[in-house]
Amino acid sequence: MALILLADDDDILLELAQLRLEADGHHVVTAEDGVEALDRLKDFRPDLVILDSVMPRLGGQEVLAAMREDSAMRDIMVMMLTALSGEAEVRHALDAGAQDYMTKPFRPDALSMRVAELLQRNGDPG
């Protein structure tokens, strides 16, 4: 299964998503803000990063931009999981290099399916 970095400042959402993804057999590492997410990315290379757009210290869009500028992280898949649902936010994230965009609130089974689709698209049987 996949190694996933999940970054969100909402403890309840973080735990809910982590439990669901681990139930699917994935190994999940969490971060509570964008700075912590980038620090964790220095220590390991996940198959997928799931980012909230609005987090303290550094938001998901900034983390995504930093990942795309770094040759060691540029090709890691990213899913945005955020309450921002406007067309402009979605387009900006996808244009910046996110592979998927999912809005909160979310159904855990929908997250599970979207993660499986992304991993399969990237050649990981997930």
C-alpha atoms as a PDB file:
ATOM      1  CA  MET A   1       0.000   0.000   0.000  1.00  0.00           C
ATOM      2  CA  ALA A   2       0.945   3.646  -0.216  1.00  0.00           C
ATOM      3  CA  LEU A   3       2.807   6.014   2.054  1.00  0.00           C
ATOM      4  CA  ILE A   4       0.701   9.173   2.456  1.00  0.00           C
ATOM      5  CA  LEU A   5       1.492  12.519   4.056  1.00  0.00           C
ATOM      6  CA  LEU A   6      -1.686  14.173   5.347  1.00  0.00           C
ATOM      7  CA  ALA A   7      -1.451  17.844   6.374  1.00  0.00           C
ATOM      8  CA  ASP A   8      -4.362  19.633   8.055  1.00  0.00           C
ATOM      9  CA  ASP A   9      -4.742  21.843  11.106  1.00  0.00           C
ATOM     10  CA  ASP A  10      -8.144  20.380  12.044  1.00  0.00           C
ATOM     11  CA  ASP A  11      -7.387  17.586  14.540  1.00  0.00           C
ATOM     12  CA  ILE A  12     -10.731  15.833  14.063  1.00  0.00           C
ATOM     13  CA  LEU A  13     -10.500  15.821  10.273  1.00  0.00           C
ATOM     14  CA  LEU A  14      -6.874  14.732  10.444  1.00  0.00           C
ATOM     15  CA  GLU A  15      -7.765  11.777  12.652  1.00  0.00           C
ATOM     16  CA  LEU A  16     -10.843  10.826  10.596  1.00  0.00           C
ATOM     17  CA  ALA A  17      -8.902  10.838   7.311  1.00  0.00           C
ATOM     18  CA  GLN A  18      -5.935   9.035   8.865  1.00  0.00           C
ATOM     19  CA  LEU A  19      -8.137   6.278  10.308  1.00  0.00           C
ATOM     20  CA  ARG A  20      -9.912   5.749   6.990  1.00  0.00           C
ATOM     21  CA  LEU A  21      -6.730   5.648   4.940  1.00  0.00           C
ATOM     22  CA  GLU A  22      -5.020   3.315   7.416  1.00  0.00           C
ATOM     23  CA  ALA A  23      -8.084   1.042   7.313  1.00  0.00           C
ATOM     24  CA  ASP A  24      -7.435   0.843   3.558  1.00  0.00           C
ATOM     25  CA  GLY A  25      -3.927  -0.411   4.342  1.00  0.00           C
ATOM     26  CA  HIS A  26      -1.982   2.807   3.746  1.00  0.00           C
ATOM     27  CA  HIS A  27       0.715   4.124   6.052  1.00  0.00           C
ATOM     28  CA  VAL A  28      -0.177   7.719   6.985  1.00  0.00           C
ATOM     29  CA  VAL A  29       2.138  10.362   8.397  1.00  0.00           C
ATOM     30  CA  THR A  30       0.487  13.563   9.587  1.00  0.00           C
ATOM     31  CA  ALA A  31       1.436  17.224   9.822  1.00  0.00           C
ATOM     32  CA  GLU A  32      -0.550  20.006  11.479  1.00  0.00           C
ATOM     33  CA  ASP A  33       0.644  22.845   9.243  1.00  0.00           C
ATOM     34  CA  GLY A  34       2.536  23.519   6.042  1.00  0.00           C
ATOM     35  CA  VAL A  35       5.919  24.057   7.668  1.00  0.00           C
ATOM     36  CA  GLU A  36       5.680  20.686   9.403  1.00  0.00           C
ATOM     37  CA  ALA A  37       4.595  19.099   6.104  1.00  0.00           C
ATOM     38  CA  LEU A  38       7.678  20.423   4.299  1.00  0.00           C
ATOM     39  CA  ASP A  39       9.890  19.291   7.185  1.00  0.00           C
ATOM     40  CA  ARG A  40       8.444  15.780   6.950  1.00  0.00           C
ATOM     41  CA  LEU A  41       9.020  15.758   3.183  1.00  0.00           C
ATOM     42  CA  LYS A  42      12.737  16.180   3.872  1.00  0.00           C
ATOM     43  CA  ASP A  43      12.704  12.893   5.830  1.00  0.00           C
ATOM     44  CA  PHE A  44      10.780  10.612   3.478  1.00  0.00           C
ATOM     45  CA  ARG A  45       9.190  10.449   0.052  1.00  0.00           C
ATOM     46  CA  PRO A  46       5.467   9.694   0.181  1.00  0.00           C
ATOM     47  CA  ASP A  47       3.451   8.336  -2.715  1.00  0.00           C
ATOM     48  CA  LEU A  48       0.816  11.022  -2.129  1.00  0.00           C
ATOM     49  CA  VAL A  49       0.521  14.274  -0.187  1.00  0.00           C
ATOM     50  CA  ILE A  50      -2.931  15.456   0.907  1.00  0.00           C
ATOM     51  CA  LEU A  51      -2.978  19.172   1.770  1.00  0.00           C
ATOM     52  CA  ASP A  52      -5.463  21.554   3.323  1.00  0.00           C
ATOM     53  CA  SER A  53      -5.291  24.983   1.666  1.00  0.00           C
ATOM     54  CA  VAL A  54      -5.705  27.023   4.839  1.00  0.00           C
ATOM     55  CA  MET A  55      -3.269  26.101   7.619  1.00  0.00           C
ATOM     56  CA  PRO A  56      -1.199  28.121  10.082  1.00  0.00           C
ATOM     57  CA  ARG A  57       2.358  29.189   9.246  1.00  0.00           C
ATOM     58  CA  LEU A  58       2.165  27.961   5.635  1.00  0.00           C
ATOM     59  CA  GLY A  59      -0.900  27.041   3.597  1.00  0.00           C
ATOM     60  CA  GLY A  60      -1.344  24.142   1.223  1.00  0.00           C
ATOM     61  CA  GLN A  61      -0.945  26.291  -1.903  1.00  0.00           C
ATOM     62  CA  GLU A  62       2.451  27.457  -0.636  1.00  0.00           C
ATOM     63  CA  VAL A  63       3.478  23.891   0.209  1.00  0.00           C
ATOM     64  CA  LEU A  64       2.428  22.796  -3.285  1.00  0.00           C
ATOM     65  CA  ALA A  65       4.448  25.623  -4.857  1.00  0.00           C
ATOM     66  CA  ALA A  66       7.516  24.704  -2.783  1.00  0.00           C
ATOM     67  CA  MET A  67       7.152  21.051  -3.782  1.00  0.00           C
ATOM     68  CA  ARG A  68       6.937  21.881  -7.482  1.00  0.00           C
ATOM     69  CA  GLU A  69      10.060  24.056  -7.256  1.00  0.00           C
ATOM     70  CA  ASP A  70      12.127  21.318  -5.573  1.00  0.00           C
ATOM     71  CA  SER A  71      13.455  18.643  -7.936  1.00  0.00           C
ATOM     72  CA  ALA A  72      13.302  16.022  -5.152  1.00  0.00           C
ATOM     73  CA  MET A  73       9.571  16.620  -4.577  1.00  0.00           C
ATOM     74  CA  ARG A  74       8.314  17.927  -7.888  1.00  0.00           C
ATOM     75  CA  ASP A  75       6.757  14.674  -9.099  1.00  0.00           C
ATOM     76  CA  ILE A  76       5.038  13.622  -5.856  1.00  0.00           C
ATOM     77  CA  MET A  77       1.269  13.478  -6.329  1.00  0.00           C
ATOM     78  CA  VAL A  78      -0.786  16.047  -4.432  1.00  0.00           C
ATOM     79  CA  MET A  79      -4.458  16.131  -3.543  1.00  0.00           C
ATOM     80  CA  MET A  80      -5.926  19.288  -2.063  1.00  0.00           C
ATOM     81  CA  LEU A  81      -8.539  18.552   0.627  1.00  0.00           C
ATOM     82  CA  THR A  82     -10.017  21.868   1.661  1.00  0.00           C
ATOM     83  CA  ALA A  83     -13.107  23.881   2.487  1.00  0.00           C
ATOM     84  CA  LEU A  84     -12.299  26.331  -0.325  1.00  0.00           C
ATOM     85  CA  SER A  85     -14.663  25.292  -3.079  1.00  0.00           C
ATOM     86  CA  GLY A  86     -14.677  28.193  -5.522  1.00  0.00           C
ATOM     87  CA  GLU A  87     -13.829  27.554  -9.149  1.00  0.00           C
ATOM     88  CA  ALA A  88     -10.861  29.933  -8.950  1.00  0.00           C
ATOM     89  CA  GLU A  89      -9.338  28.028  -6.010  1.00  0.00           C
ATOM     90  CA  VAL A  90      -9.786  24.679  -7.740  1.00  0.00           C
ATOM     91  CA  ARG A  91      -8.309  25.932 -11.008  1.00  0.00           C
ATOM     92  CA  HIS A  92      -5.372  27.576  -9.220  1.00  0.00           C
ATOM     93  CA  ALA A  93      -4.503  24.357  -7.366  1.00  0.00           C
ATOM     94  CA  LEU A  94      -4.753  22.184 -10.471  1.00  0.00           C
ATOM     95  CA  ASP A  95      -2.769  24.685 -12.555  1.00  0.00           C
ATOM     96  CA  ALA A  96      -0.112  24.751  -9.806  1.00  0.00           C
ATOM     97  CA  GLY A  97       0.350  21.000 -10.084  1.00  0.00           C
ATOM     98  CA  ALA A  98      -2.194  19.286  -7.822  1.00  0.00           C
ATOM     99  CA  GLN A  99      -3.553  16.080  -9.335  1.00  0.00           C
ATOM    100  CA  ASP A 100      -6.903  16.235  -7.527  1.00  0.00           C
ATOM    101  CA  TYR A 101      -9.060  18.570  -5.463  1.00  0.00           C
ATOM    102  CA  MET A 102     -11.653  17.477  -2.925  1.00  0.00           C
ATOM    103  CA  THR A 103     -13.777  19.743  -0.751  1.00  0.00           C
ATOM    104  CA  LYS A 104     -14.700  19.518   2.920  1.00  0.00           C
ATOM    105  CA  PRO A 105     -16.807  18.289   4.454  1.00  0.00           C
ATOM    106  CA  PHE A 106     -16.019  14.973   2.847  1.00  0.00           C
ATOM    107  CA  ARG A 107     -17.251  11.419   3.137  1.00  0.00           C
ATOM    108  CA  PRO A 108     -14.473   9.060   4.254  1.00  0.00           C
ATOM    109  CA  ASP A 109     -15.458   6.486   1.618  1.00  0.00           C
ATOM    110  CA  ALA A 110     -15.236   9.163  -1.098  1.00  0.00           C
ATOM    111  CA  LEU A 111     -11.734  10.085   0.093  1.00  0.00           C
ATOM    112  CA  SER A 112     -10.788   6.407   0.030  1.00  0.00           C
ATOM    113  CA  MET A 113     -12.009   6.018  -3.559  1.00  0.00           C
ATOM    114  CA  ARG A 114     -10.284   9.191  -4.794  1.00  0.00           C
ATOM    115  CA  VAL A 115      -6.984   8.168  -3.185  1.00  0.00           C
ATOM    116  CA  ALA A 116      -7.239   4.702  -4.763  1.00  0.00           C
ATOM    117  CA  GLU A 117      -7.921   6.270  -8.180  1.00  0.00           C
ATOM    118  CA  LEU A 118      -4.941   8.612  -7.883  1.00  0.00           C
ATOM    119  CA  LEU A 119      -2.586   5.840  -6.821  1.00  0.00           C
ATOM    120  CA  GLN A 120      -3.796   3.570  -9.594  1.00  0.00           C
ATOM    121  CA  ARG A 121      -3.392   6.366 -12.152  1.00  0.00           C
ATOM    122  CA  ASN A 122       0.215   6.735 -11.012  1.00  0.00           C
ATOM    123  CA  GLY A 123       0.919   3.015 -11.382  1.00  0.00           C
ATOM    124  CA  ASP A 124       0.667   2.113  -7.676  1.00  0.00           C
ATOM    125  CA  PRO A 125      -1.917  -0.616  -7.174  1.00  0.00           C
ATOM    126  CA  GLY A 126      -2.817   1.162  -3.910  1.00  0.00           C
END
